[in-house]
Each structure stands twice: as structure tokens, then as C-alpha cells.
N, C-alpha and C. Protein backbone atom coordinates (compact mmCIF):
# COMPACT_ATOMS: atom_id res chain seq x y z
N UNK A 1 64.63 144.84 39.24
CA UNK A 1 65.49 145.99 39.46
C UNK A 1 66.54 145.67 40.52
N UNK A 2 66.16 144.96 41.56
CA UNK A 2 67.10 144.60 42.62
C UNK A 2 68.24 143.75 42.06
N UNK A 3 67.92 142.81 41.17
CA UNK A 3 68.93 141.94 40.59
C UNK A 3 69.94 142.75 39.77
N UNK A 4 69.48 143.74 39.04
CA UNK A 4 70.38 144.58 38.25
C UNK A 4 71.28 145.38 39.16
N UNK A 5 70.75 145.92 40.24
CA UNK A 5 71.54 146.70 41.17
C UNK A 5 72.60 145.81 41.83
N UNK A 6 72.23 144.60 42.20
CA UNK A 6 73.19 143.68 42.82
C UNK A 6 74.29 143.32 41.83
N UNK A 7 73.94 143.05 40.60
CA UNK A 7 74.94 142.71 39.59
C UNK A 7 75.92 143.87 39.42
N UNK A 8 75.40 145.09 39.43
CA UNK A 8 76.26 146.27 39.31
C UNK A 8 77.22 146.38 40.47
N UNK A 9 76.77 146.12 41.69
CA UNK A 9 77.67 146.21 42.83
C UNK A 9 78.71 145.10 42.77
N UNK A 10 78.34 143.92 42.29
CA UNK A 10 79.32 142.86 42.13
C UNK A 10 80.33 143.24 41.05
N UNK A 11 79.86 143.89 40.00
CA UNK A 11 80.77 144.37 38.98
C UNK A 11 81.75 145.37 39.56
N UNK A 12 81.29 146.20 40.47
CA UNK A 12 82.16 147.15 41.16
C UNK A 12 83.21 146.41 41.98
N UNK A 13 82.79 145.35 42.66
CA UNK A 13 83.73 144.57 43.46
C UNK A 13 84.76 143.88 42.57
N UNK A 14 84.34 143.42 41.41
CA UNK A 14 85.27 142.82 40.47
C UNK A 14 86.27 143.86 39.99
N UNK A 15 85.80 145.06 39.68
CA UNK A 15 86.69 146.13 39.25
C UNK A 15 87.69 146.46 40.35
N UNK A 16 87.25 146.52 41.60
CA UNK A 16 88.17 146.80 42.71
C UNK A 16 89.22 145.70 42.84
N UNK A 17 88.80 144.45 42.67
CA UNK A 17 89.75 143.33 42.72
C UNK A 17 90.77 143.45 41.59
N UNK A 18 90.31 143.82 40.40
CA UNK A 18 91.21 144.00 39.26
C UNK A 18 92.21 145.13 39.53
N UNK A 19 91.73 146.22 40.10
CA UNK A 19 92.62 147.35 40.39
C UNK A 19 93.66 146.98 41.44
N UNK A 20 93.28 146.19 42.44
CA UNK A 20 94.24 145.74 43.45
C UNK A 20 95.30 144.83 42.81
N UNK A 21 94.86 143.95 41.91
CA UNK A 21 95.78 143.06 41.20
C UNK A 21 96.74 143.87 40.34
N UNK A 22 96.21 144.87 39.62
CA UNK A 22 97.04 145.72 38.77
C UNK A 22 98.05 146.51 39.60
N UNK A 23 97.63 146.99 40.77
CA UNK A 23 98.55 147.74 41.64
C UNK A 23 99.68 146.83 42.10
N UNK A 24 99.36 145.59 42.41
CA UNK A 24 100.39 144.62 42.80
C UNK A 24 101.35 144.39 41.63
N UNK A 25 100.83 144.22 40.43
CA UNK A 25 101.69 144.03 39.26
C UNK A 25 102.59 145.24 39.05
N UNK A 26 102.07 146.44 39.27
CA UNK A 26 102.87 147.65 39.10
C UNK A 26 104.02 147.68 40.09
N UNK A 27 103.80 147.15 41.30
CA UNK A 27 104.86 147.11 42.31
C UNK A 27 105.91 146.06 41.98
N UNK A 28 105.50 144.93 41.44
CA UNK A 28 106.40 143.80 41.28
C UNK A 28 106.96 143.65 39.88
N UNK A 29 106.38 144.29 38.89
CA UNK A 29 106.87 144.18 37.51
C UNK A 29 106.91 145.56 36.86
N UNK A 30 107.67 146.51 37.45
CA UNK A 30 107.64 147.87 36.92
C UNK A 30 108.17 148.01 35.50
N UNK A 31 108.93 147.03 35.02
CA UNK A 31 109.48 147.17 33.67
C UNK A 31 108.56 146.63 32.59
N UNK A 32 107.39 146.17 32.95
CA UNK A 32 106.46 145.67 31.95
C UNK A 32 106.27 144.18 32.05
N UNK A 33 105.81 143.58 30.96
CA UNK A 33 105.43 142.17 30.93
C UNK A 33 106.63 141.25 31.19
N UNK A 34 106.40 140.27 32.02
CA UNK A 34 107.37 139.20 32.24
C UNK A 34 106.73 137.90 31.79
N UNK A 35 107.56 136.91 31.57
CA UNK A 35 107.03 135.59 31.26
C UNK A 35 106.33 135.06 32.51
N UNK A 36 105.10 134.65 32.39
CA UNK A 36 104.31 134.23 33.54
C UNK A 36 104.63 132.79 33.91
N UNK A 37 105.34 132.60 34.99
CA UNK A 37 105.65 131.27 35.52
C UNK A 37 105.07 131.18 36.92
N UNK A 38 104.07 130.34 37.13
CA UNK A 38 103.41 130.29 38.44
C UNK A 38 104.34 130.06 39.61
N UNK A 39 105.42 129.31 39.45
CA UNK A 39 106.27 129.01 40.59
C UNK A 39 107.16 130.17 41.03
N UNK A 40 107.19 131.27 40.29
CA UNK A 40 108.01 132.40 40.70
C UNK A 40 107.19 133.51 41.36
N UNK A 41 105.91 133.35 41.46
CA UNK A 41 105.06 134.39 42.03
C UNK A 41 104.80 134.14 43.51
N UNK A 42 104.58 135.21 44.20
CA UNK A 42 104.33 135.14 45.63
C UNK A 42 102.90 134.69 45.93
N UNK A 43 102.67 134.40 47.18
CA UNK A 43 101.33 134.02 47.64
C UNK A 43 100.35 135.17 47.43
N UNK A 44 100.83 136.40 47.59
CA UNK A 44 99.95 137.56 47.38
C UNK A 44 99.46 137.63 45.94
N UNK A 45 100.36 137.32 44.98
CA UNK A 45 99.96 137.30 43.59
C UNK A 45 98.78 136.34 43.40
N UNK A 46 98.91 135.13 43.95
CA UNK A 46 97.85 134.13 43.81
C UNK A 46 96.57 134.55 44.51
N UNK A 47 96.69 135.13 45.69
CA UNK A 47 95.49 135.58 46.41
C UNK A 47 94.74 136.63 45.60
N UNK A 48 95.45 137.62 45.09
CA UNK A 48 94.81 138.69 44.32
C UNK A 48 94.24 138.15 43.01
N UNK A 49 94.99 137.30 42.33
CA UNK A 49 94.51 136.70 41.08
C UNK A 49 93.27 135.86 41.31
N UNK A 50 93.29 135.04 42.36
CA UNK A 50 92.13 134.18 42.64
C UNK A 50 90.91 135.00 43.05
N UNK A 51 91.12 136.12 43.71
CA UNK A 51 90.00 137.00 44.06
C UNK A 51 89.34 137.52 42.78
N UNK A 52 90.14 137.93 41.81
CA UNK A 52 89.60 138.38 40.53
C UNK A 52 88.81 137.25 39.86
N UNK A 53 89.40 136.07 39.82
CA UNK A 53 88.76 134.93 39.16
C UNK A 53 87.45 134.56 39.86
N UNK A 54 87.46 134.49 41.19
CA UNK A 54 86.23 134.15 41.94
C UNK A 54 85.12 135.16 41.67
N UNK A 55 85.48 136.43 41.71
CA UNK A 55 84.45 137.46 41.48
C UNK A 55 83.94 137.42 40.05
N UNK A 56 84.82 137.18 39.09
CA UNK A 56 84.40 137.11 37.69
C UNK A 56 83.50 135.89 37.46
N UNK A 57 83.86 134.76 38.02
CA UNK A 57 83.07 133.55 37.83
C UNK A 57 81.71 133.63 38.51
N UNK A 58 81.57 134.51 39.48
CA UNK A 58 80.29 134.67 40.18
C UNK A 58 79.31 135.55 39.41
N UNK A 59 79.78 136.15 38.33
CA UNK A 59 78.95 137.07 37.55
C UNK A 59 78.77 136.59 36.13
N UNK A 60 77.64 136.93 35.51
CA UNK A 60 77.52 136.71 34.08
C UNK A 60 78.47 137.67 33.34
N UNK A 61 79.05 137.21 32.26
CA UNK A 61 79.99 138.05 31.51
C UNK A 61 79.39 139.38 31.08
N UNK A 62 78.10 139.41 30.90
CA UNK A 62 77.43 140.64 30.45
C UNK A 62 77.60 141.79 31.44
N UNK A 63 77.86 141.50 32.71
CA UNK A 63 78.00 142.58 33.70
C UNK A 63 79.45 142.77 34.14
N UNK A 64 80.39 142.09 33.50
CA UNK A 64 81.79 142.32 33.83
C UNK A 64 82.15 143.75 33.48
N UNK A 65 82.95 144.42 34.30
CA UNK A 65 83.31 145.81 34.03
C UNK A 65 84.34 145.97 32.92
N UNK A 66 84.92 144.86 32.47
CA UNK A 66 85.94 144.91 31.42
C UNK A 66 85.72 143.75 30.45
N UNK A 67 86.25 143.91 29.24
CA UNK A 67 86.15 142.80 28.28
C UNK A 67 87.11 141.67 28.64
N UNK A 68 86.90 140.53 28.00
CA UNK A 68 87.84 139.43 28.21
C UNK A 68 89.17 139.76 27.54
N UNK A 69 90.20 139.11 27.99
CA UNK A 69 91.54 139.29 27.41
C UNK A 69 91.51 138.85 25.95
N UNK A 70 92.03 139.67 25.07
CA UNK A 70 92.05 139.34 23.64
C UNK A 70 93.05 138.23 23.34
N UNK A 71 94.11 138.15 24.11
CA UNK A 71 95.17 137.17 23.83
C UNK A 71 94.71 135.73 24.10
N UNK A 72 94.02 135.53 25.23
CA UNK A 72 93.58 134.17 25.59
C UNK A 72 92.08 133.97 25.44
N UNK A 73 91.37 134.99 24.97
CA UNK A 73 89.91 134.94 24.80
C UNK A 73 89.20 134.59 26.10
N UNK A 74 89.75 135.04 27.22
CA UNK A 74 89.13 134.81 28.51
C UNK A 74 89.39 133.44 29.11
N UNK A 75 90.24 132.63 28.46
CA UNK A 75 90.50 131.27 28.93
C UNK A 75 91.57 131.20 30.02
N UNK A 76 92.29 132.29 30.28
CA UNK A 76 93.32 132.41 31.30
C UNK A 76 94.62 131.68 30.99
N UNK A 77 94.61 130.82 29.99
CA UNK A 77 95.82 130.11 29.59
C UNK A 77 95.98 130.17 28.07
N UNK A 78 97.22 130.00 27.62
CA UNK A 78 97.52 129.97 26.20
C UNK A 78 98.44 128.78 25.91
N UNK A 79 98.46 128.34 24.66
CA UNK A 79 99.39 127.30 24.25
C UNK A 79 100.79 127.91 24.15
N UNK A 80 101.78 127.18 24.60
CA UNK A 80 103.16 127.64 24.52
C UNK A 80 104.04 126.46 24.14
N UNK A 81 105.19 126.77 23.61
CA UNK A 81 106.16 125.73 23.25
C UNK A 81 107.21 125.67 24.35
N UNK A 82 107.51 124.47 24.78
CA UNK A 82 108.51 124.27 25.83
C UNK A 82 109.63 123.39 25.27
N UNK A 83 110.85 123.81 25.48
CA UNK A 83 112.00 123.02 25.03
C UNK A 83 112.48 122.13 26.17
N UNK A 84 112.73 120.86 25.86
CA UNK A 84 113.30 119.92 26.82
C UNK A 84 114.65 119.49 26.27
N UNK A 85 115.59 119.28 27.15
CA UNK A 85 116.92 118.84 26.76
C UNK A 85 117.20 117.48 27.42
N UNK A 86 116.78 116.39 26.77
CA UNK A 86 117.00 115.06 27.34
C UNK A 86 118.49 114.74 27.44
N UNK A 87 118.85 113.95 28.44
CA UNK A 87 120.24 113.53 28.61
C UNK A 87 120.74 112.83 27.36
N UNK A 88 121.90 113.21 26.91
CA UNK A 88 122.52 112.57 25.76
C UNK A 88 122.02 113.04 24.41
N UNK A 89 120.98 113.86 24.39
CA UNK A 89 120.44 114.34 23.10
C UNK A 89 121.25 115.55 22.65
N UNK A 90 121.53 115.60 21.37
CA UNK A 90 122.29 116.71 20.82
C UNK A 90 121.44 117.95 20.57
N UNK A 91 120.15 117.77 20.50
CA UNK A 91 119.29 118.92 20.25
C UNK A 91 118.05 118.83 21.15
N UNK A 92 117.39 119.95 21.36
CA UNK A 92 116.22 119.96 22.24
C UNK A 92 115.02 119.28 21.59
N UNK A 93 114.11 118.83 22.43
CA UNK A 93 112.82 118.33 21.99
C UNK A 93 111.78 119.36 22.43
N UNK A 94 110.77 119.56 21.61
CA UNK A 94 109.77 120.58 21.88
C UNK A 94 108.41 119.97 22.16
N UNK A 95 107.73 120.51 23.17
CA UNK A 95 106.38 120.10 23.55
C UNK A 95 105.48 121.32 23.56
N UNK A 96 104.22 121.09 23.30
CA UNK A 96 103.21 122.14 23.42
C UNK A 96 102.56 121.98 24.80
N UNK A 97 102.56 123.07 25.57
CA UNK A 97 102.00 123.05 26.92
C UNK A 97 101.07 124.25 27.11
N UNK A 98 100.20 124.16 28.11
CA UNK A 98 99.33 125.29 28.48
C UNK A 98 100.05 126.09 29.55
N UNK A 99 100.06 127.42 29.38
CA UNK A 99 100.70 128.32 30.33
C UNK A 99 99.75 129.46 30.66
N UNK A 100 99.97 130.06 31.81
CA UNK A 100 99.20 131.24 32.20
C UNK A 100 99.38 132.32 31.15
N UNK A 101 98.29 132.94 30.74
CA UNK A 101 98.35 134.00 29.73
C UNK A 101 99.22 135.15 30.25
N UNK A 102 100.25 135.54 29.49
CA UNK A 102 101.11 136.63 29.93
C UNK A 102 100.48 138.02 29.78
N UNK A 103 99.39 138.13 29.03
CA UNK A 103 98.76 139.44 28.86
C UNK A 103 97.83 139.79 30.01
N UNK A 104 97.05 138.81 30.49
CA UNK A 104 96.09 139.09 31.57
C UNK A 104 96.54 138.46 32.89
N UNK A 105 97.70 137.83 32.87
CA UNK A 105 98.27 137.16 34.04
C UNK A 105 97.32 136.13 34.62
N UNK A 106 96.60 135.48 33.74
CA UNK A 106 95.74 134.39 34.16
C UNK A 106 94.41 134.79 34.75
N UNK A 107 93.98 136.03 34.55
CA UNK A 107 92.68 136.46 35.06
C UNK A 107 91.57 136.26 34.04
N UNK A 108 91.91 136.27 32.76
CA UNK A 108 90.92 136.16 31.70
C UNK A 108 90.29 137.48 31.31
N UNK A 109 90.66 138.55 32.01
CA UNK A 109 90.10 139.88 31.74
C UNK A 109 91.18 140.85 31.27
N UNK A 110 90.79 141.81 30.46
CA UNK A 110 91.71 142.83 29.99
C UNK A 110 92.18 143.65 31.18
N UNK A 111 93.48 143.91 31.23
CA UNK A 111 94.05 144.72 32.30
C UNK A 111 94.28 146.13 31.81
N UNK A 112 94.14 147.10 32.71
CA UNK A 112 94.34 148.51 32.37
C UNK A 112 95.71 148.98 32.79
N UNK A 113 96.73 148.20 32.49
CA UNK A 113 98.09 148.61 32.84
C UNK A 113 99.05 148.11 31.79
N UNK A 114 100.23 148.69 31.78
CA UNK A 114 101.25 148.25 30.83
C UNK A 114 101.79 146.88 31.21
N UNK A 115 101.45 146.37 32.40
CA UNK A 115 101.95 145.08 32.86
C UNK A 115 101.19 143.94 32.23
N UNK A 116 100.09 144.24 31.58
CA UNK A 116 99.33 143.18 30.94
C UNK A 116 99.50 143.17 29.44
N UNK A 117 100.31 144.06 28.92
CA UNK A 117 100.49 144.12 27.47
C UNK A 117 101.91 143.94 27.07
């Protein structure tokens, strides 16, 4: 019984971390989803995101307060196509790269805001 109660409180802490992350997204991306590029985000974004990830990884998925992100299946990254324009080339070259999931912003969990959809 103690283990179940502890898991529940950790689930509550994960939910609180998710809500803090969502509040930050609401402040910084009021118009909705943006393309997720790690180098354009602030340190606060990373701190809040990593708090969500740490808390989620510390728990079995069965006690997570939310389902995994449907877009990345909880993997936090998705395949994306990147265009490169080599010097002297008349047309771009395309590569497949892994990028932070734009739906869950790299948390792996479904978000309860318009900023994750």
C-alpha cells in the first residue's frame, strides 16, 4: 500500500511539472505550435522540460498522470527532413534527421494545451 501511495504522489509531482511546463509554453508561444528548435529556447525551457523528463523516467508508465504523446509515441523525437544547400549546387539536398517532437515539445507526454497540438 505504501508503494502505491508513493507512486501516486510522484504522479502528482509529474503532473505539477507538466503544468509548469505548459504555463511556460503559454507565456512564450501564445499563438500556438512553433517549430521546435533546441537552440532558440531559453534555459528555463530546458529546465522545465528536463524536470518533466526526470520525473517521468523515475516512474513506471502505468502511474503517469497522462498518456504518451501520440505523435512521437513517447520517444520525445520524430524523424524530420532537413534541406541543405551545398555551395555551387543548383538544388537542395535532403537529409533525414531526428528533431524534438513539436507536439509534446520533447517531453514524451501528451500536453493539455493548444501549444502542444
